[in-house]
Amino acid sequence: MKFSTFHLFHQFAGQTAREVYDYQIEIVELLEELGFDGVWVAEHHFRDYGVVPNIFNLLSNLAARTERLRLGTGIVVLPLHNPIHVAEEAAMVDLLSGGRLEVGIGRGYQSVEFENFGLDLSEARDRFNECLDVILGLWTKDDFEYKGRFHETRRPLTLMPKPVQRPHPPLHVAAVSPETVELYAARGLPILADPAAPFKKIARAAETWYATARAHGVDVEGVELVASRSVYVAPTTEQAREDQARFEAGFDRSRIFNVQSAPIDPSTGKAAKGFEYYQDRYLKGGSVDNEFRWNQLEVIGDPERVVSQIKTIQEMGFTNLMCDFGSTRPLPIEDMKKVLKFFAAEVMPAFR
């Protein structure tokens, strides 16, 4: 099992954007020292929910500050971008980092982002698929040509520079719904499982991915499926439970799960086409009780319990655990460092 971390770059009340960047960069530098395998940075627009509108700019900065960590996009919202730019920027980061880029991609879901970019959320999947085809073509072919509904090349294109990794940097598609998992498993593209999906759903997603991939002749040996989870380990189970309750009591989840975040078609007020699977999650405020979080959603507890949970995720077929150690918890940096050091010392050695 590899261990990577998720970084939302959430801007808390009273923080400047620069303070958010400084905090997260200092944490990333510690992660390299502690032996984590990689980091993933989220893309968001127009909200303090996450203040990284261009992941590749940030990863270029992190590439210069680290030597070993894999640098992941978690995720690039492809429909919001010109795919030629994405292919170019990713190739440049892969080059600057010495081949350490991991590219997580998704179709997005936040209606506020699509509206402000003048895009129809119901077209997200079709736009995503076109972008994906263009990016893969540019990474792997010279004189590449493409004509689709949303994108086309006016003349044959050869990407400059090309990525270091061959045939291209590893791709991971954000997915947990059966339709999406099957669609990309058939192409041999590994999934990045949704952190808001309970354990039984990510287990089903992994099972579906492997079955579909094998049915389409995909060689699954060495494939890296990524499971994203909220993670917290404390010296005792009792302390972990107390800390979890305190974290939840102190955080207004409606700042994240709300109408702005919901995949809503403004013309109908209902879930946009292709997003029916998620229609209730964001409108219900993301409200789940601590018992549900404890038993079905989070990797949390004392070291023994956390190791056991991670082994279960490993047995599902996931080989990279993307750990969210508190992207929406306003922990002082020294407290966050203690959490990370404790996890690295008490949990990670069980998988090395």
Protein backbone atom coordinates (compact mmCIF):
# COMPACT_ATOMS: atom_id res chain seq x y z
CA MET A 1 0.00 0.00 0.00
CA LYS A 2 1.22 3.45 -0.92
CA PHE A 3 0.31 6.43 1.23
CA SER A 4 -0.44 9.79 -0.31
CA THR A 5 -2.20 12.87 1.04
CA PHE A 6 -5.01 15.11 -0.17
CA HIS A 7 -4.73 18.90 -0.06
CA LEU A 8 -7.87 20.96 -0.61
CA PHE A 9 -6.25 24.32 0.24
CA HIS A 10 -9.42 25.31 2.08
CA GLN A 11 -9.32 28.94 3.23
CA PHE A 12 -10.65 29.25 6.76
CA ALA A 13 -12.17 32.38 8.25
CA GLY A 14 -9.46 34.92 9.07
CA GLN A 15 -6.88 33.34 6.74
CA THR A 16 -5.40 34.98 3.69
CA ALA A 17 -4.85 32.92 0.56
CA ARG A 18 -1.09 33.31 1.04
CA GLU A 19 -1.35 31.88 4.55
CA VAL A 20 -3.20 28.87 3.12
CA TYR A 21 -0.41 28.28 0.60
CA ASP A 22 2.36 28.69 3.19
CA TYR A 23 0.66 26.23 5.57
CA GLN A 24 0.17 23.54 2.94
CA ILE A 25 3.63 23.92 1.41
CA GLU A 26 5.24 23.48 4.82
CA ILE A 27 3.17 20.34 5.35
CA VAL A 28 4.19 18.92 1.96
CA GLU A 29 7.87 19.40 2.78
CA LEU A 30 7.33 17.45 6.02
CA LEU A 31 5.56 14.65 4.16
CA GLU A 32 8.66 14.05 2.07
CA GLU A 33 10.73 13.74 5.27
CA LEU A 34 8.21 11.32 6.81
CA GLY A 35 8.29 8.90 3.88
CA PHE A 36 4.88 9.46 2.33
CA ASP A 37 4.67 8.44 -1.32
CA GLY A 38 2.80 11.37 -2.83
CA VAL A 39 0.49 14.36 -2.57
CA TRP A 40 -2.69 15.30 -4.45
CA VAL A 41 -3.92 18.87 -4.90
CA ALA A 42 -7.54 19.82 -5.62
CA GLU A 43 -8.78 22.31 -8.22
CA HIS A 44 -11.63 24.67 -7.35
CA HIS A 45 -12.85 28.07 -8.49
CA PHE A 46 -14.67 31.10 -7.07
CA ARG A 47 -14.94 29.89 -3.46
CA ASP A 48 -12.87 29.66 -0.30
CA TYR A 49 -13.64 25.91 -0.38
CA GLY A 50 -10.34 25.54 -2.22
CA VAL A 51 -8.06 28.30 -3.49
CA VAL A 52 -6.04 26.48 -6.18
CA PRO A 53 -7.53 27.36 -9.59
CA ASN A 54 -4.49 25.96 -11.47
CA ILE A 55 -2.99 22.81 -10.00
CA PHE A 56 -0.08 22.65 -12.44
CA ASN A 57 1.24 26.03 -11.31
CA LEU A 58 1.24 24.82 -7.73
CA LEU A 59 2.78 21.44 -8.54
CA SER A 60 5.63 23.20 -10.34
CA ASN A 61 6.36 24.99 -7.07
CA LEU A 62 6.20 21.73 -5.11
CA ALA A 63 8.42 20.00 -7.67
CA ALA A 64 11.19 22.46 -6.84
CA ARG A 65 10.75 21.87 -3.09
CA THR A 66 10.74 18.06 -3.14
CA GLU A 67 12.83 15.27 -4.60
CA ARG A 68 10.88 12.03 -4.21
CA LEU A 69 7.17 12.69 -3.64
CA ARG A 70 4.78 11.86 -6.47
CA LEU A 71 2.85 15.00 -7.40
CA GLY A 72 -0.81 14.45 -8.14
CA THR A 73 -3.69 16.44 -9.54
CA GLY A 74 -6.67 15.57 -7.40
CA ILE A 75 -8.38 16.40 -9.68
CA VAL A 76 -8.19 18.46 -12.88
CA VAL A 77 -11.79 19.27 -13.87
CA LEU A 78 -11.31 18.60 -17.58
CA PRO A 79 -14.52 20.20 -18.95
CA LEU A 80 -13.40 23.58 -17.60
CA HIS A 81 -10.18 23.52 -19.65
CA ASN A 82 -8.79 23.54 -23.14
CA PRO A 83 -7.34 20.01 -23.34
CA ILE A 84 -4.31 21.21 -25.30
CA HIS A 85 -3.35 23.45 -22.39
CA VAL A 86 -3.81 20.57 -19.94
CA ALA A 87 -1.59 18.29 -22.04
CA GLU A 88 1.11 20.97 -22.29
CA GLU A 89 1.07 21.99 -18.63
CA ALA A 90 1.09 18.40 -17.42
CA ALA A 91 4.00 17.54 -19.71
CA MET A 92 5.97 20.50 -18.40
CA VAL A 93 5.38 19.55 -14.74
CA ASP A 94 6.35 15.95 -15.51
CA LEU A 95 9.58 17.24 -17.06
CA LEU A 96 10.40 19.67 -14.24
CA SER A 97 9.72 17.04 -11.57
CA GLY A 98 11.79 14.35 -13.20
CA GLY A 99 8.79 12.19 -14.08
CA ARG A 100 6.88 12.42 -10.78
CA LEU A 101 3.48 13.56 -12.04
CA GLU A 102 0.24 11.65 -11.38
CA VAL A 103 -2.78 12.99 -13.27
CA GLY A 104 -6.13 12.64 -11.53
CA ILE A 105 -8.98 13.79 -13.74
CA GLY A 106 -12.74 14.17 -13.44
CA ARG A 107 -15.75 15.77 -15.05
CA GLY A 108 -16.47 18.04 -12.06
CA TYR A 109 -19.81 18.61 -10.40
CA GLN A 110 -20.04 22.11 -8.91
CA SER A 111 -22.71 24.09 -10.71
CA VAL A 112 -21.18 27.44 -9.67
CA GLU A 113 -17.98 26.60 -11.55
CA PHE A 114 -19.71 25.55 -14.76
CA GLU A 115 -22.08 28.54 -14.73
CA ASN A 116 -19.28 31.05 -14.29
CA PHE A 117 -17.28 29.50 -17.12
CA GLY A 118 -20.38 29.61 -19.31
CA LEU A 119 -20.64 25.83 -19.59
CA ASP A 120 -23.61 23.46 -19.44
CA LEU A 121 -23.12 20.96 -16.61
CA SER A 122 -25.21 18.37 -18.46
CA GLU A 123 -22.48 18.30 -21.14
CA ALA A 124 -19.75 17.54 -18.58
CA ARG A 125 -19.30 13.87 -19.40
CA ASP A 126 -19.18 14.42 -23.17
CA ARG A 127 -16.71 17.28 -22.74
CA PHE A 128 -14.63 15.16 -20.38
CA ASN A 129 -14.41 12.28 -22.84
CA GLU A 130 -13.32 14.57 -25.67
CA CYS A 131 -10.70 16.24 -23.47
CA LEU A 132 -9.37 12.85 -22.42
CA ASP A 133 -9.03 11.70 -26.03
CA VAL A 134 -7.20 14.89 -27.01
CA ILE A 135 -4.80 14.75 -24.07
CA LEU A 136 -3.91 11.09 -24.61
CA GLY A 137 -3.46 11.71 -28.32
CA LEU A 138 -1.13 14.65 -27.80
CA TRP A 139 0.92 12.78 -25.21
CA THR A 140 1.44 9.69 -27.35
CA LYS A 141 1.39 10.79 -31.00
CA ASP A 142 3.09 13.25 -33.31
CA ASP A 143 1.04 15.15 -35.87
CA PHE A 144 -2.09 14.39 -33.86
CA GLU A 145 -5.45 15.34 -35.34
CA TYR A 146 -8.88 15.44 -33.73
CA LYS A 147 -12.38 16.61 -34.56
CA GLY A 148 -15.15 16.37 -32.00
CA ARG A 149 -18.26 18.22 -30.96
CA PHE A 150 -16.42 20.59 -28.60
CA HIS A 151 -12.77 20.40 -29.65
CA GLU A 152 -10.85 20.08 -32.87
CA THR A 153 -7.34 20.57 -34.18
CA ARG A 154 -7.11 22.89 -37.18
CA ARG A 155 -3.85 21.29 -38.27
CA PRO A 156 -1.73 18.33 -37.12
CA LEU A 157 -0.25 19.02 -33.67
CA THR A 158 2.92 17.72 -32.02
CA LEU A 159 3.18 18.47 -28.32
CA MET A 160 6.26 20.32 -27.06
CA PRO A 161 7.58 19.23 -24.65
CA LYS A 162 6.44 15.63 -24.33
CA PRO A 163 6.03 14.07 -20.86
CA VAL A 164 9.01 12.23 -19.37
CA GLN A 165 6.95 9.19 -18.37
CA ARG A 166 6.07 6.77 -21.15
CA PRO A 167 3.66 6.30 -22.70
CA HIS A 168 2.34 9.13 -20.51
CA PRO A 169 1.98 10.12 -16.83
CA PRO A 170 -0.31 7.74 -14.90
CA LEU A 171 -3.98 8.68 -15.21
CA HIS A 172 -6.64 8.20 -12.51
CA VAL A 173 -10.31 8.90 -13.19
CA ALA A 174 -12.45 10.11 -10.30
CA ALA A 175 -15.28 7.57 -10.19
CA VAL A 176 -17.49 5.51 -7.94
CA SER A 177 -20.84 5.27 -9.77
CA PRO A 178 -21.15 1.92 -11.59
CA GLU A 179 -21.65 3.57 -15.00
CA THR A 180 -18.48 5.67 -14.72
CA VAL A 181 -16.38 2.84 -13.28
CA GLU A 182 -17.35 0.49 -16.11
CA LEU A 183 -16.81 3.14 -18.79
CA TYR A 184 -13.18 3.79 -17.85
CA ALA A 185 -12.31 0.28 -16.68
CA ALA A 186 -13.04 -0.83 -20.25
CA ARG A 187 -10.28 1.56 -21.35
CA GLY A 188 -7.90 0.36 -18.64
CA LEU A 189 -7.94 3.69 -16.80
CA PRO A 190 -7.64 3.25 -13.01
CA ILE A 191 -10.20 4.88 -10.74
CA LEU A 192 -9.81 7.32 -7.88
CA ALA A 193 -12.61 6.43 -5.46
CA ASP A 194 -14.82 9.14 -3.95
CA PRO A 195 -14.07 10.00 -0.28
CA ALA A 196 -17.79 10.58 0.39
CA ALA A 197 -18.74 7.04 -0.67
CA PRO A 198 -18.97 4.48 2.17
CA PHE A 199 -16.69 1.46 2.31
CA LYS A 200 -19.23 -0.89 0.71
CA LYS A 201 -19.54 1.38 -2.34
CA ILE A 202 -15.81 1.72 -2.95
CA ALA A 203 -15.47 -2.06 -2.52
CA ARG A 204 -18.15 -2.54 -5.17
CA ALA A 205 -16.42 0.03 -7.40
CA ALA A 206 -13.11 -1.84 -7.20
CA GLU A 207 -14.79 -5.18 -7.88
CA THR A 208 -16.60 -3.71 -10.89
CA TRP A 209 -13.40 -2.11 -12.17
CA TYR A 210 -11.37 -5.32 -12.11
CA ALA A 211 -14.17 -7.44 -13.61
CA THR A 212 -14.81 -4.96 -16.42
CA ALA A 213 -11.14 -4.39 -17.16
CA ARG A 214 -10.42 -8.12 -17.40
CA ALA A 215 -13.48 -8.64 -19.60
CA HIS A 216 -12.03 -6.10 -22.04
CA GLY A 217 -8.59 -7.71 -22.09
CA VAL A 218 -6.89 -5.14 -19.87
CA ASP A 219 -3.72 -6.30 -18.11
CA VAL A 220 -4.48 -5.39 -14.48
CA GLU A 221 -1.08 -6.41 -13.13
CA GLY A 222 0.48 -3.45 -11.35
CA VAL A 223 -2.56 -1.21 -11.84
CA GLU A 224 -2.90 1.38 -9.07
CA LEU A 225 -6.43 2.06 -7.86
CA VAL A 226 -6.60 4.99 -5.45
CA ALA A 227 -8.97 5.14 -2.47
CA SER A 228 -9.57 8.57 -0.99
CA ARG A 229 -10.52 8.57 2.69
CA SER A 230 -10.68 10.90 5.64
CA VAL A 231 -7.97 9.58 7.99
CA TYR A 232 -7.26 10.17 11.65
CA VAL A 233 -5.25 8.10 14.11
CA ALA A 234 -4.92 8.76 17.85
CA PRO A 235 -3.12 6.88 20.64
CA THR A 236 -6.41 5.37 21.84
CA THR A 237 -9.81 4.59 20.36
CA GLU A 238 -11.45 6.74 23.01
CA GLN A 239 -9.40 9.78 22.05
CA ALA A 240 -10.09 9.22 18.35
CA ARG A 241 -13.84 9.15 19.04
CA GLU A 242 -13.66 12.29 21.17
CA ASP A 243 -11.59 14.11 18.57
CA GLN A 244 -13.94 13.09 15.76
CA ALA A 245 -16.96 14.44 17.65
CA ARG A 246 -15.10 17.66 18.41
CA PHE A 247 -14.06 18.12 14.78
CA GLU A 248 -17.62 17.67 13.55
CA ALA A 249 -19.15 19.92 16.21
CA GLY A 250 -16.78 22.71 15.23
CA PHE A 251 -17.33 22.57 11.47
CA ASP A 252 -20.25 23.87 9.44
CA ARG A 253 -20.57 21.22 6.74
CA SER A 254 -23.09 23.31 4.84
CA ARG A 255 -20.14 25.44 3.68
CA ILE A 256 -19.16 22.48 1.50
CA PHE A 257 -22.40 20.59 0.87
CA ASN A 258 -24.84 23.15 -0.50
CA VAL A 259 -26.68 24.30 -3.62
CA GLN A 260 -23.51 25.88 -5.05
CA SER A 261 -21.72 22.56 -4.79
CA ALA A 262 -24.64 20.47 -6.00
CA PRO A 263 -24.65 19.28 -9.64
CA ILE A 264 -27.82 21.20 -10.44
CA ASP A 265 -29.13 22.20 -13.87
CA PRO A 266 -30.21 25.86 -13.36
CA SER A 267 -32.91 25.54 -16.01
CA THR A 268 -34.73 22.79 -14.10
CA GLY A 269 -33.51 23.09 -10.52
CA LYS A 270 -32.89 19.33 -10.54
CA ALA A 271 -29.83 17.14 -10.93
CA ALA A 272 -28.09 17.77 -14.24
CA LYS A 273 -28.07 15.05 -16.85
CA GLY A 274 -25.53 12.38 -15.89
CA PHE A 275 -25.45 13.37 -12.23
CA GLU A 276 -28.55 11.55 -10.96
CA TYR A 277 -26.35 9.24 -8.87
CA TYR A 278 -25.27 12.24 -6.76
CA GLN A 279 -28.49 14.24 -6.71
CA ASP A 280 -29.17 14.08 -2.96
CA ARG A 281 -25.70 14.24 -1.47
CA TYR A 282 -25.07 17.95 -1.71
CA LEU A 283 -28.63 19.15 -1.19
CA LYS A 284 -28.96 17.22 2.07
CA GLY A 285 -26.04 19.11 3.55
CA GLY A 286 -23.73 16.11 3.64
CA SER A 287 -25.16 15.29 7.05
CA VAL A 288 -24.11 11.95 8.50
CA ASP A 289 -23.85 11.03 12.14
CA ASN A 290 -20.59 10.20 13.87
CA GLU A 291 -21.46 6.51 14.15
CA PHE A 292 -21.87 6.25 10.36
CA ARG A 293 -18.60 8.09 9.86
CA TRP A 294 -16.87 5.82 12.38
CA ASN A 295 -18.09 2.53 10.93
CA GLN A 296 -18.68 3.14 7.24
CA LEU A 297 -16.82 6.19 5.99
CA GLU A 298 -13.58 7.18 7.71
CA VAL A 299 -10.29 5.47 8.45
CA ILE A 300 -10.15 6.37 12.13
CA GLY A 301 -9.18 5.00 15.51
CA ASP A 302 -6.11 3.84 17.34
CA PRO A 303 -3.18 2.44 15.31
CA GLU A 304 -4.42 -1.15 15.51
CA ARG A 305 -7.88 -0.25 14.21
CA VAL A 306 -6.53 2.00 11.48
CA VAL A 307 -4.09 -0.65 10.26
CA SER A 308 -6.95 -3.16 10.11
CA GLN A 309 -9.14 -0.74 8.12
CA ILE A 310 -6.35 -0.04 5.64
CA LYS A 311 -5.76 -3.78 5.17
CA THR A 312 -9.46 -4.14 4.34
CA ILE A 313 -9.15 -1.38 1.72
CA GLN A 314 -6.07 -3.13 0.36
CA GLU A 315 -8.00 -6.39 0.09
CA MET A 316 -10.65 -4.57 -1.97
CA GLY A 317 -7.97 -4.03 -4.62
CA PHE A 318 -6.78 -0.50 -3.85
CA THR A 319 -3.02 0.04 -3.70
CA ASN A 320 -2.81 3.75 -2.91
CA LEU A 321 -4.57 5.36 0.06
CA MET A 322 -5.13 9.08 -0.48
CA CYS A 323 -5.33 10.33 3.10
CA ASP A 324 -7.28 13.47 3.94
CA PHE A 325 -5.90 14.30 7.37
CA GLY A 326 -8.24 17.24 7.84
CA SER A 327 -8.56 19.45 4.80
CA THR A 328 -11.62 21.11 6.34
CA ARG A 329 -10.37 21.15 9.95
CA PRO A 330 -8.65 24.35 11.07
CA LEU A 331 -5.82 22.61 12.91
CA PRO A 332 -2.81 24.72 13.94
CA ILE A 333 0.16 23.61 11.90
CA GLU A 334 2.03 22.09 14.84
CA ASP A 335 -1.02 19.96 15.69
CA MET A 336 -1.27 18.79 12.08
CA LYS A 337 2.41 17.88 12.09
CA LYS A 338 1.86 15.74 15.21
CA VAL A 339 -0.98 13.89 13.49
CA LEU A 340 1.16 13.19 10.43
CA LYS A 341 4.20 12.11 12.43
CA PHE A 342 2.09 9.76 14.56
CA PHE A 343 0.54 8.15 11.47
CA ALA A 344 3.94 7.76 9.81
CA ALA A 345 5.42 6.16 12.92
CA GLU A 346 2.53 3.97 14.06
CA VAL A 347 0.66 2.94 10.88
CA MET A 348 2.83 3.10 7.79
CA PRO A 349 5.48 0.60 8.97
CA ALA A 350 2.83 -2.15 8.94
CA PHE A 351 2.75 -1.84 5.14
CA ARG A 352 6.44 -1.41 4.38
